[in-house]
């Protein structure tokens, strides 16, 4: 059971909730904080204009609404407009737990009953219909509007929801004013990419042994000469993984082996930045306006998720570079000059293809990652009668980070199959966790081998978590 208090949510926890490995409960103080903000919002909305409570939204920000209660319902219905495929249940659960935790921090002005409704949604796995298109990184408006309508009974849920929540005049906009779906996607991507980052060094160490690599590239002096934590981490891990190395076959290895600390270490550093950004955003009241009894009313732009989008862009770019380096190592393993083995690690039959097409598969995955590494933060859009003349596109960046998981796993699986085959062909030991990979070297369809390698990586990295 995870207790949400608005302060301690992180990516592994979101991943656990998304996979229904744990349940959530609200810290008692969360409802008290929400109640205080709710009462304050009710009082202040009759004393001065409050955006979305007594006024319209977007380009209608200066329009006073005659019936705030009716306006709130209309706001939810209009903002639920969306298109595209329904999001996977894991992503929807992630969004719900992030939004619930944000509301638990206080300051939103929503009725505490909304928090109890979200908690019930998670407890009963009664998920709202959330579609793919509609968010720009300035609030996941359609996703959260659909959630609100599902809470109120206007939209169906995936299983029966035992409670219904009425959204009053001050509940609609504050509930929508969040990037909870993008943050959840980013956290799920972070959790998966961290596992693959751990796997990268494990697989690279196999390739290192298979080609009699030069351990100087990971030496303590290299580690000590940099202030980058990622480089230091990779140097240390590689020294631990390769143990007592054989005499190196060459004075300097190709980049795929030699610059692993510099490239993969940068990936670790970007993952750390992503962790800090997602934790900061998932554990703070970011609703516009902020309605805090002790501070007052503050209209602001904290919903504009530029930091998250930029960090996600950098993370996917770093993942693509890590994959490119793995492809380089796969090319090295296919070269007789580097291994002393037949071309493409074939069985020695003249013209045998061996792992030739495995390299093609990896190259295809790398190309996919390069496309996903397209920068989202430099995109532009102007909406709502010119008032909103930009967007962070953090939601798109988060989706790209999620999409990057599979091709990165594929590249590592390709390298793993090749490294294990090279070790066996050289009469060198293969780690027990990868011994299930077939030893047959004759030309054949290797799809099953690659799928098995993916599963072995997943099992190994889940056990390491």
Protein backbone atom coordinates (compact mmCIF):
# COMPACT_ATOMS: atom_id res chain seq x y z
CA UNK A 1 0.00 0.00 0.00
CA UNK A 2 1.38 3.39 -1.06
CA UNK A 3 0.23 6.40 0.98
CA UNK A 4 -0.04 9.59 -1.06
CA UNK A 5 0.69 12.86 0.69
CA UNK A 6 1.73 15.12 -2.18
CA UNK A 7 5.45 14.87 -1.48
CA UNK A 8 6.96 11.42 -2.07
CA UNK A 9 5.82 10.09 -5.47
CA UNK A 10 8.54 8.80 -7.81
CA UNK A 11 8.81 6.83 -11.07
CA UNK A 12 9.15 3.31 -9.60
CA UNK A 13 6.06 3.92 -7.46
CA UNK A 14 4.06 5.17 -10.44
CA UNK A 15 5.18 2.09 -12.40
CA UNK A 16 4.08 -0.18 -9.55
CA UNK A 17 0.66 1.47 -9.36
CA UNK A 18 0.31 1.41 -13.16
CA UNK A 19 0.99 -2.34 -13.17
CA UNK A 20 -1.35 -2.88 -10.18
CA UNK A 21 1.46 -4.29 -8.08
CA UNK A 22 0.46 -1.96 -5.23
CA UNK A 23 -2.64 -0.10 -4.09
CA UNK A 24 -2.85 3.53 -2.99
CA UNK A 25 -4.32 5.31 -0.01
CA UNK A 26 -4.61 8.98 0.87
CA UNK A 27 -2.74 10.40 3.83
CA UNK A 28 -5.41 11.87 6.16
CA UNK A 29 -3.88 15.33 5.99
CA UNK A 30 -4.43 15.40 2.23
CA UNK A 31 -8.19 15.76 2.63
CA UNK A 32 -7.69 18.45 5.27
CA UNK A 33 -5.42 20.46 2.97
CA UNK A 34 -7.87 20.07 0.10
CA UNK A 35 -10.78 21.14 2.30
CA UNK A 36 -8.98 24.30 3.46
CA UNK A 37 -8.17 25.29 -0.13
CA UNK A 38 -11.72 24.44 -1.25
CA UNK A 39 -13.32 26.68 1.37
CA UNK A 40 -10.90 29.50 0.61
CA UNK A 41 -11.65 29.23 -3.13
CA UNK A 42 -15.40 29.46 -2.48
CA UNK A 43 -14.97 32.63 -0.44
CA UNK A 44 -12.55 34.43 -2.70
CA UNK A 45 -14.44 33.66 -5.93
CA UNK A 46 -17.29 35.92 -4.81
CA UNK A 47 -14.90 38.70 -3.78
CA UNK A 48 -12.79 39.06 -6.94
CA UNK A 49 -12.49 37.58 -10.44
CA UNK A 50 -10.88 34.14 -10.30
CA UNK A 51 -9.89 32.54 -13.59
CA UNK A 52 -12.05 29.55 -14.44
CA UNK A 53 -14.18 29.96 -11.32
CA UNK A 54 -16.04 33.19 -12.03
CA UNK A 55 -14.65 33.76 -15.55
CA UNK A 56 -14.26 31.87 -18.78
CA UNK A 57 -10.95 30.30 -19.78
CA UNK A 58 -8.35 30.83 -22.51
CA UNK A 59 -9.42 33.64 -24.83
CA UNK A 60 -12.56 34.05 -22.66
CA UNK A 61 -10.53 34.87 -19.54
CA UNK A 62 -12.09 38.33 -19.13
CA UNK A 63 -15.67 37.13 -19.57
CA UNK A 64 -17.64 36.90 -16.32
CA UNK A 65 -19.88 33.84 -16.35
CA UNK A 66 -23.44 34.33 -15.04
CA UNK A 67 -23.84 30.76 -13.79
CA UNK A 68 -20.51 29.32 -12.55
CA UNK A 69 -22.05 25.91 -11.82
CA UNK A 70 -23.39 25.48 -15.35
CA UNK A 71 -20.17 26.87 -16.77
CA UNK A 72 -18.15 24.24 -14.88
CA UNK A 73 -20.17 21.40 -16.38
CA UNK A 74 -19.92 22.90 -19.85
CA UNK A 75 -16.17 23.33 -19.41
CA UNK A 76 -15.70 19.65 -18.65
CA UNK A 77 -17.90 18.53 -21.52
CA UNK A 78 -16.24 20.78 -24.10
CA UNK A 79 -12.70 20.07 -22.95
CA UNK A 80 -13.20 16.29 -23.11
CA UNK A 81 -13.04 16.54 -26.91
CA UNK A 82 -10.29 14.27 -28.25
CA UNK A 83 -9.35 11.75 -30.91
CA UNK A 84 -7.06 8.79 -31.39
CA UNK A 85 -6.66 5.38 -29.83
CA UNK A 86 -7.54 4.76 -26.22
CA UNK A 87 -4.48 4.82 -23.99
CA UNK A 88 -3.27 1.63 -22.38
CA UNK A 89 -4.60 0.99 -18.86
CA UNK A 90 -1.09 1.33 -17.39
CA UNK A 91 -0.77 4.87 -18.70
CA UNK A 92 -4.22 5.84 -17.43
CA UNK A 93 -3.49 4.46 -13.95
CA UNK A 94 -0.23 6.38 -13.97
CA UNK A 95 -2.08 9.60 -14.80
CA UNK A 96 -4.62 9.00 -12.03
CA UNK A 97 -2.02 8.43 -9.32
CA UNK A 98 0.00 11.48 -10.37
CA UNK A 99 -3.09 13.69 -10.38
CA UNK A 100 -4.24 12.34 -7.03
CA UNK A 101 -0.84 12.99 -5.50
CA UNK A 102 -0.75 16.55 -6.85
CA UNK A 103 -4.18 17.27 -5.39
CA UNK A 104 -3.03 15.78 -2.08
CA UNK A 105 -0.46 18.57 -1.84
CA UNK A 106 -3.28 21.13 -1.42
CA UNK A 107 -3.81 24.47 -3.13
CA UNK A 108 -6.02 23.38 -6.01
CA UNK A 109 -9.34 24.56 -4.62
CA UNK A 110 -11.21 21.39 -5.63
CA UNK A 111 -13.71 19.63 -3.40
CA UNK A 112 -12.06 16.89 -1.27
CA UNK A 113 -14.67 14.53 -2.73
CA UNK A 114 -12.73 14.68 -6.01
CA UNK A 115 -9.70 13.18 -4.27
CA UNK A 116 -11.84 10.41 -2.80
CA UNK A 117 -13.31 9.72 -6.24
CA UNK A 118 -9.87 9.39 -7.83
CA UNK A 119 -8.80 7.09 -5.02
CA UNK A 120 -11.87 4.91 -5.69
CA UNK A 121 -11.08 4.83 -9.41
CA UNK A 122 -7.67 3.36 -8.66
CA UNK A 123 -8.94 0.98 -6.00
CA UNK A 124 -11.60 -0.49 -8.30
CA UNK A 125 -9.59 -0.12 -11.52
CA UNK A 126 -12.50 1.85 -12.94
CA UNK A 127 -10.58 3.69 -15.64
CA UNK A 128 -11.86 6.59 -17.76
CA UNK A 129 -11.63 6.58 -21.57
CA UNK A 130 -8.50 8.63 -22.34
CA UNK A 131 -7.59 9.10 -25.98
CA UNK A 132 -4.21 9.87 -27.48
CA UNK A 133 -4.71 13.26 -29.14
CA UNK A 134 -5.44 16.57 -27.48
CA UNK A 135 -2.58 17.54 -25.13
CA UNK A 136 0.14 20.07 -25.93
CA UNK A 137 2.12 20.26 -22.72
CA UNK A 138 0.06 23.14 -21.33
CA UNK A 139 -2.26 20.87 -19.39
CA UNK A 140 -3.67 17.47 -20.29
CA UNK A 141 -7.10 18.97 -20.74
CA UNK A 142 -9.01 16.28 -22.71
CA UNK A 143 -7.56 13.43 -20.64
CA UNK A 144 -8.51 15.03 -17.34
CA UNK A 145 -11.88 16.30 -18.58
CA UNK A 146 -12.76 12.75 -19.62
CA UNK A 147 -11.68 11.60 -16.16
CA UNK A 148 -13.94 14.18 -14.52
CA UNK A 149 -16.91 13.15 -16.66
CA UNK A 150 -16.27 9.50 -15.80
CA UNK A 151 -16.17 10.40 -12.10
CA UNK A 152 -19.51 12.17 -12.46
CA UNK A 153 -21.05 9.26 -14.35
CA UNK A 154 -21.32 10.88 -17.78
CA UNK A 155 -18.68 8.66 -19.37
CA UNK A 156 -18.21 4.92 -18.87
CA UNK A 157 -15.40 3.35 -16.86
CA UNK A 158 -13.69 0.02 -17.50
CA UNK A 159 -15.31 -1.45 -14.38
CA UNK A 160 -18.09 -0.18 -12.10
CA UNK A 161 -17.25 2.90 -10.05
CA UNK A 162 -19.01 2.75 -6.67
CA UNK A 163 -19.01 6.53 -6.16
CA UNK A 164 -20.08 9.53 -8.20
CA UNK A 165 -18.52 12.96 -7.86
CA UNK A 166 -20.37 16.17 -8.70
CA UNK A 167 -18.09 18.90 -10.02
CA UNK A 168 -19.18 22.26 -8.66
CA UNK A 169 -18.37 25.82 -9.79
CA UNK A 170 -14.82 25.78 -8.45
CA UNK A 171 -13.85 22.21 -9.29
CA UNK A 172 -13.70 21.97 -13.08
CA UNK A 173 -10.76 24.12 -14.14
CA UNK A 174 -8.54 23.29 -11.14
CA UNK A 175 -8.96 19.59 -11.87
CA UNK A 176 -8.01 20.09 -15.52
CA UNK A 177 -5.04 22.34 -14.76
CA UNK A 178 -2.33 19.67 -14.74
CA UNK A 179 0.10 17.75 -16.93
CA UNK A 180 -0.58 14.54 -14.99
CA UNK A 181 -0.81 12.36 -18.12
CA UNK A 182 2.48 13.65 -19.54
CA UNK A 183 4.20 13.34 -16.16
CA UNK A 184 2.95 9.77 -15.79
CA UNK A 185 4.16 8.86 -19.29
CA UNK A 186 7.53 10.41 -18.47
CA UNK A 187 7.76 8.46 -15.21
CA UNK A 188 6.83 5.17 -16.89
CA UNK A 189 9.40 5.86 -19.60
CA UNK A 190 12.02 6.69 -16.97
CA UNK A 191 11.38 3.47 -15.08
CA UNK A 192 11.71 1.35 -18.23
CA UNK A 193 14.71 3.22 -19.62
CA UNK A 194 16.60 2.94 -16.34
CA UNK A 195 16.23 -0.84 -16.54
CA UNK A 196 17.56 -0.84 -20.10
CA UNK A 197 20.41 1.46 -19.10
CA UNK A 198 21.46 -1.13 -16.53
CA UNK A 199 21.25 -3.80 -19.21
CA UNK A 200 23.42 -1.84 -21.62
CA UNK A 201 26.55 -2.22 -19.50
CA UNK A 202 25.79 -5.90 -18.85
CA UNK A 203 25.61 -6.63 -22.58
CA UNK A 204 28.52 -4.36 -23.51
CA UNK A 205 30.71 -6.24 -21.03
CA UNK A 206 29.98 -9.48 -22.92
CA UNK A 207 31.04 -7.85 -26.18
CA UNK A 208 34.17 -6.51 -24.48
CA UNK A 209 35.21 -10.01 -23.47
CA UNK A 210 34.36 -11.46 -26.87
CA UNK A 211 36.72 -9.04 -28.66
CA UNK A 212 39.48 -8.94 -25.99
CA UNK A 213 38.84 -5.28 -25.35
CA UNK A 214 41.28 -2.87 -23.76
CA UNK A 215 40.22 -2.17 -20.15
CA UNK A 216 42.17 1.09 -20.01
CA UNK A 217 39.07 2.90 -21.32
CA UNK A 218 37.33 2.18 -17.99
CA UNK A 219 40.30 2.61 -15.69
CA UNK A 220 40.20 4.44 -12.39
CA UNK A 221 42.21 7.37 -13.84
CA UNK A 222 39.53 7.82 -16.52
CA UNK A 223 36.84 7.74 -13.85
CA UNK A 224 38.74 10.20 -11.68
CA UNK A 225 39.41 12.66 -14.50
CA UNK A 226 35.75 13.57 -14.97
CA UNK A 227 33.14 15.27 -12.83
CA UNK A 228 30.24 13.65 -14.68
CA UNK A 229 28.49 11.13 -12.46
CA UNK A 230 27.34 9.03 -15.41
CA UNK A 231 30.87 8.51 -16.74
CA UNK A 232 32.09 7.57 -13.29
CA UNK A 233 29.21 5.10 -12.90
CA UNK A 234 29.87 3.34 -16.21
CA UNK A 235 33.63 3.09 -15.61
CA UNK A 236 33.05 1.51 -12.21
CA UNK A 237 30.37 -0.89 -13.47
CA UNK A 238 32.48 -2.03 -16.42
CA UNK A 239 35.47 -2.74 -14.22
CA UNK A 240 33.25 -4.83 -11.94
CA UNK A 241 31.65 -6.69 -14.85
CA UNK A 242 34.80 -7.55 -16.80
CA UNK A 243 36.74 -8.56 -13.70
CA UNK A 244 40.31 -9.62 -14.42
CA UNK A 245 40.61 -8.97 -18.18
CA UNK A 246 42.65 -10.88 -20.71
CA UNK A 247 45.56 -9.05 -22.39
CA UNK A 248 43.98 -6.60 -24.85
CA UNK A 249 44.05 -7.40 -28.54
CA UNK A 250 44.74 -3.80 -29.55
CA UNK A 251 46.01 -0.51 -28.17
CA UNK A 252 42.64 1.19 -28.74
CA UNK A 253 39.24 -0.34 -29.39
CA UNK A 254 36.62 1.04 -31.81
CA UNK A 255 34.35 3.70 -30.34
CA UNK A 256 31.58 1.20 -29.62
CA UNK A 257 33.71 -0.18 -26.78
CA UNK A 258 36.09 2.65 -26.00
CA UNK A 259 33.68 5.58 -25.54
CA UNK A 260 30.98 3.63 -23.71
CA UNK A 261 31.54 5.66 -20.50
CA UNK A 262 31.22 8.97 -22.33
CA UNK A 263 28.10 8.06 -24.34
CA UNK A 264 26.25 5.73 -21.99
CA UNK A 265 27.31 7.84 -19.02
CA UNK A 266 25.59 10.82 -20.63
CA UNK A 267 22.44 8.72 -20.91
CA UNK A 268 22.60 8.05 -17.16
CA UNK A 269 23.01 11.78 -16.50
CA UNK A 270 19.98 12.60 -18.64
CA UNK A 271 17.95 9.93 -16.84
CA UNK A 272 18.90 11.51 -13.53
CA UNK A 273 17.72 14.91 -14.78
CA UNK A 274 14.45 13.34 -15.92
CA UNK A 275 14.00 11.78 -12.49
CA UNK A 276 14.47 15.14 -10.76
CA UNK A 277 12.04 16.89 -13.12
CA UNK A 278 9.26 14.33 -12.89
CA UNK A 279 9.48 14.08 -9.10
CA UNK A 280 9.34 17.87 -8.80
CA UNK A 281 6.26 18.07 -11.02
CA UNK A 282 4.40 15.14 -9.49
CA UNK A 283 4.80 16.46 -5.95
CA UNK A 284 3.67 20.06 -6.22
CA UNK A 285 0.37 21.93 -6.60
CA UNK A 286 0.66 23.33 -10.13
CA UNK A 287 -2.96 24.34 -10.72
CA UNK A 288 -3.72 27.77 -12.16
CA UNK A 289 -4.65 29.74 -10.18
CA UNK A 290 -3.10 28.67 -6.87
CA UNK A 291 -5.62 29.06 -4.06
CA UNK A 292 -3.79 28.95 -0.75
CA UNK A 293 -5.48 30.28 2.39
CA UNK A 294 -2.14 31.36 3.85
CA UNK A 295 -0.93 33.10 0.68
CA UNK A 296 -3.91 34.14 -1.44
CA UNK A 297 -4.78 33.82 -5.13
CA UNK A 298 -2.00 33.67 -7.71
CA UNK A 299 -2.59 33.36 -11.44
CA UNK A 300 0.48 31.85 -13.08
CA UNK A 301 1.93 29.61 -15.79
CA UNK A 302 3.27 26.63 -13.85
CA UNK A 303 1.21 24.32 -16.06
CA UNK A 304 3.56 25.16 -18.97
CA UNK A 305 5.80 22.09 -18.87
CA UNK A 306 8.85 23.42 -20.72
CA UNK A 307 11.37 21.89 -18.33
CA UNK A 308 9.82 18.45 -18.61
CA UNK A 309 9.67 18.61 -22.41
CA UNK A 310 13.29 19.72 -22.75
CA UNK A 311 14.57 17.05 -20.37
CA UNK A 312 12.58 14.37 -22.20
CA UNK A 313 13.99 15.51 -25.54
CA UNK A 314 17.51 15.24 -24.15
CA UNK A 315 16.80 11.81 -22.67
CA UNK A 316 15.54 10.31 -25.93
CA UNK A 317 18.49 11.82 -27.79
CA UNK A 318 20.85 10.20 -25.28
CA UNK A 319 19.03 6.87 -25.64
CA UNK A 320 19.48 7.08 -29.41
CA UNK A 321 23.22 7.69 -29.01
CA UNK A 322 23.51 4.74 -26.63
CA UNK A 323 21.74 2.57 -29.22
CA UNK A 324 24.01 3.80 -32.01
CA UNK A 325 27.02 2.73 -29.95
CA UNK A 326 25.46 -0.71 -29.37
CA UNK A 327 24.99 -1.03 -33.14
CA UNK A 328 28.69 -0.20 -33.51
CA UNK A 329 29.57 -3.04 -31.15
CA UNK A 330 27.34 -5.40 -33.13
CA UNK A 331 29.27 -4.44 -36.26
CA UNK A 332 32.52 -5.16 -34.44
CA UNK A 333 31.26 -8.63 -33.48
CA UNK A 334 30.52 -9.35 -37.16
CA UNK A 335 34.09 -8.51 -38.26
CA UNK A 336 36.60 -11.41 -38.44
CA UNK A 337 39.44 -8.92 -37.95
CA UNK A 338 38.06 -8.12 -34.51
CA UNK A 339 36.99 -11.59 -33.36
CA UNK A 340 39.08 -14.08 -35.31
CA UNK A 341 35.79 -15.81 -36.16
CA UNK A 342 33.90 -16.31 -39.46
CA UNK A 343 32.15 -13.25 -40.93
CA UNK A 344 28.86 -12.39 -39.22
CA UNK A 345 29.57 -15.19 -36.72
CA UNK A 346 28.40 -17.75 -39.26
CA UNK A 347 29.10 -21.47 -38.99
CA UNK A 348 32.06 -21.32 -41.36
CA UNK A 349 30.16 -22.39 -44.48
CA UNK A 350 31.39 -20.21 -47.37
CA UNK A 351 28.93 -17.35 -47.85
CA UNK A 352 26.97 -18.10 -44.65
CA UNK A 353 24.90 -15.13 -43.50
CA UNK A 354 25.12 -15.91 -39.79
CA UNK A 355 23.94 -12.82 -37.88
CA UNK A 356 23.99 -10.53 -40.91
CA UNK A 357 20.28 -9.67 -40.70
CA UNK A 358 20.45 -9.24 -36.94
CA UNK A 359 22.58 -6.20 -37.72
CA UNK A 360 19.83 -4.98 -40.08
CA UNK A 361 17.22 -5.40 -37.35
CA UNK A 362 19.34 -3.38 -34.95
CA UNK A 363 19.91 -0.68 -37.56
CA UNK A 364 16.15 -0.45 -38.12
CA UNK A 365 15.62 0.02 -34.39
CA UNK A 366 18.32 2.69 -34.25
CA UNK A 367 16.65 4.53 -37.13
CA UNK A 368 13.38 4.46 -35.19
CA UNK A 369 15.13 5.95 -32.18
CA UNK A 370 16.63 8.71 -34.29
CA UNK A 371 13.16 9.68 -35.49
CA UNK A 372 11.84 9.61 -31.91
CA UNK A 373 14.73 11.88 -30.91
CA UNK A 374 13.27 14.68 -33.03
CA UNK A 375 13.18 17.72 -30.75
CA UNK A 376 9.67 18.65 -29.67
CA UNK A 377 10.51 21.80 -27.73
CA UNK A 378 11.20 23.86 -30.86
CA UNK A 379 7.75 23.20 -32.31
CA UNK A 380 5.28 26.07 -32.19
CA UNK A 381 1.56 26.73 -32.21
CA UNK A 382 -0.76 29.66 -31.55
CA UNK A 383 -4.17 29.01 -30.03
CA UNK A 384 -7.15 30.57 -28.24
CA UNK A 385 -7.38 33.84 -30.19
CA UNK A 386 -3.65 34.45 -29.86
CA UNK A 387 -3.53 34.37 -26.06
CA UNK A 388 -1.66 31.06 -26.01
CA UNK A 389 1.14 31.67 -28.48
CA UNK A 390 3.27 28.67 -27.57
CA UNK A 391 3.24 25.16 -26.14
CA UNK A 392 5.85 22.97 -24.49
CA UNK A 393 4.75 19.80 -26.30
CA UNK A 394 5.89 17.90 -23.21
CA UNK A 395 3.04 15.43 -23.77
CA UNK A 396 4.48 14.55 -27.19
CA UNK A 397 8.00 14.34 -25.75
CA UNK A 398 6.77 11.98 -23.03
CA UNK A 399 5.04 9.77 -25.57
CA UNK A 400 8.22 9.66 -27.66
CA UNK A 401 10.18 8.61 -24.57
CA UNK A 402 7.73 5.78 -23.98
CA UNK A 403 7.98 4.75 -27.63
CA UNK A 404 11.79 4.70 -27.35
CA UNK A 405 11.72 1.78 -24.91
CA UNK A 406 11.00 -0.97 -27.44
CA UNK A 407 13.60 -0.08 -30.09
CA UNK A 408 16.28 0.37 -27.42
CA UNK A 409 15.42 -3.06 -26.01
CA UNK A 410 15.61 -4.48 -29.54
CA UNK A 411 19.11 -3.13 -30.14
CA UNK A 412 20.34 -4.58 -26.85
CA UNK A 413 18.75 -7.93 -27.66
CA UNK A 414 20.55 -8.00 -31.01
CA UNK A 415 23.89 -7.27 -29.37
CA UNK A 416 23.20 -9.87 -26.68
CA UNK A 417 22.53 -12.63 -29.22
CA UNK A 418 25.73 -11.76 -31.08
CA UNK A 419 27.91 -11.42 -27.97
CA UNK A 420 26.77 -14.76 -26.55
CA UNK A 421 27.37 -16.50 -29.88
CA UNK A 422 30.87 -14.97 -30.15
CA UNK A 423 31.77 -16.04 -26.63
CA UNK A 424 30.65 -19.61 -27.32
CA UNK A 425 32.47 -19.76 -30.63
CA UNK A 426 35.65 -18.67 -28.89
CA UNK A 427 35.19 -21.27 -26.14
CA UNK A 428 34.63 -18.62 -23.49
CA UNK A 429 32.06 -18.89 -20.65
CA UNK A 430 28.57 -17.46 -21.05
CA UNK A 431 26.80 -16.02 -17.98
CA UNK A 432 24.18 -18.38 -16.61
CA UNK A 433 21.38 -15.86 -17.03
CA UNK A 434 21.93 -15.93 -20.81
CA UNK A 435 22.72 -19.63 -21.23
CA UNK A 436 19.21 -20.33 -22.55
CA UNK A 437 20.06 -18.65 -25.85
CA UNK A 438 20.50 -21.34 -28.54
CA UNK A 439 24.03 -22.45 -29.43
CA UNK A 440 23.21 -23.46 -33.04
CA UNK A 441 25.19 -21.38 -35.58
CA UNK A 442 23.80 -22.69 -38.88
CA UNK A 443 21.82 -20.18 -40.94
CA UNK A 444 18.21 -20.06 -39.76
CA UNK A 445 15.43 -17.66 -38.77
CA UNK A 446 16.69 -15.87 -35.64
CA UNK A 447 13.44 -14.13 -34.71
CA UNK A 448 12.83 -16.50 -31.81
CA UNK A 449 16.39 -15.95 -30.56
CA UNK A 450 15.87 -12.19 -30.52
CA UNK A 451 12.52 -12.47 -28.75
CA UNK A 452 14.08 -14.77 -26.18
CA UNK A 453 16.91 -12.27 -25.68
CA UNK A 454 14.33 -9.55 -25.01
CA UNK A 455 12.64 -11.73 -22.38
CA UNK A 456 15.93 -12.66 -20.74
CA UNK A 457 16.87 -8.99 -20.50
CA UNK A 458 13.49 -8.12 -19.01
CA UNK A 459 13.72 -10.92 -16.44
CA UNK A 460 17.28 -10.06 -15.49
CA UNK A 461 16.64 -6.37 -15.14
CA UNK A 462 13.39 -6.89 -13.21
CA UNK A 463 15.33 -9.07 -10.75
CA UNK A 464 17.99 -6.36 -10.46
CA UNK A 465 15.44 -3.62 -9.69
